Structure formats: structure tokens, C-alpha cells
Amino acid sequence: MKYDIILEDEIIQIVPLKESDFERLYSVAKDPLIWAQHPNPNRYKKEIFEVYFKGAIESKSAFLVFDKKQNIPIGSSRFYDLNVKNKSLSIGYTFIARSHWGGKYNTALKTIMLNYAFQFIESVIFHIGANNIRSQTSIQRLGSKKIGEEFMSYYGEEKKLNYLFQIEKKDWIRD
């Protein structure tokens, strides 16, 4: 799987995240309401977001998401935890500007990423904070199933309870 690619559809474009994107992405991330249900609700603070961003850059699999019509950054997501043996990986660390909440943009983002991933692997895992009802609902609308719970720490952060959701390639029917 390659991560230095550009993925897009009619409404969004996903490009590899670069160190020079910090200020553009932080301009979206500094909204406290984006993080209200997240396991780290303080990620809107610059010094905490810097840790998130450092992890994104080091992952070499993070993306900056653009609204194509307005040509503005609206968030980020990434692939992680590639497991060649089990033919699985995870998609997460996703956030989208509140101006783009409501399903269309998040659905487009996840659809593009899933379509790309399923060219190479058989299942995708999503780690979602136990209190993040909005993200749990969103991922279930795409056909995921809850498969477990796990205490995990995001890059540079303390462990928090996450629910694990999975979508298998054989069940994915979107183009």
C-alpha cells in the first residue's frame, strides 16, 4: 500500500500531510467543539495539537483533507496499524471542520479511504472513543460492526477506552 498518493471524489481531495501544513490544519483543529466527544477533548489547544500533528507526520500515512469547491482544508485522517498477516489496517485520527459536519464530507472521506484500502487488504478497523457517539453513529452508517473494546493511547497521550469497529471487504458495497 502506498501513502504518498492523492485520493479524491467530486467534493473532497485527500493529499499526503506535510510538516508545512501545520498552521493550515491547526486553523481547523483549534475549534474546541470538534473535540468535545473525543478521548482527548483538549486537542484544540495548540501545544496538545502539536503532539497529534507530530504523530501524524511520523506515521507517514496521514492526509490533509480539502473541500474541492472552496479549496480549503477541512480536516485530516490517516491509515495506521497495517497488519500484513491478517490483511487488515486501521483508519482513524479523523476530524473534520464543523462547517462540514452532517454526513456528506465524512462519508466521502471514509468511502474514498475504504475503496483505496480494500484494493490491498481484507478488513479495516476503526478505534473510536467510548464517548464519541457522533463518530460511532457515522461509522455504523457505513456498515461497520462493533467488535470489541480496548484501552489504547494515541500518540503521546494517555490510554482511554475505545470501541473497535470493523468493516470487511466482502461486506463493503460502495464505489
Foldseek 3Di string as FASTA:
>chain_A
DDQQDWWDDDWKIKGFDDPVCLVQQLVQLLPLVQQPQAPPSPCSDSVNVVQVVVLSVVQSFKIFMAGVVVRGTFWIKGWADQDLVQQETEIDPTTGHPVPDDQPVVVRVVLRVVVVSLVGGFKYKYWGAPRPVVVVVNVVVQPWDFDAWDFDADRPGHTGITTIIMDTPVRHDDD
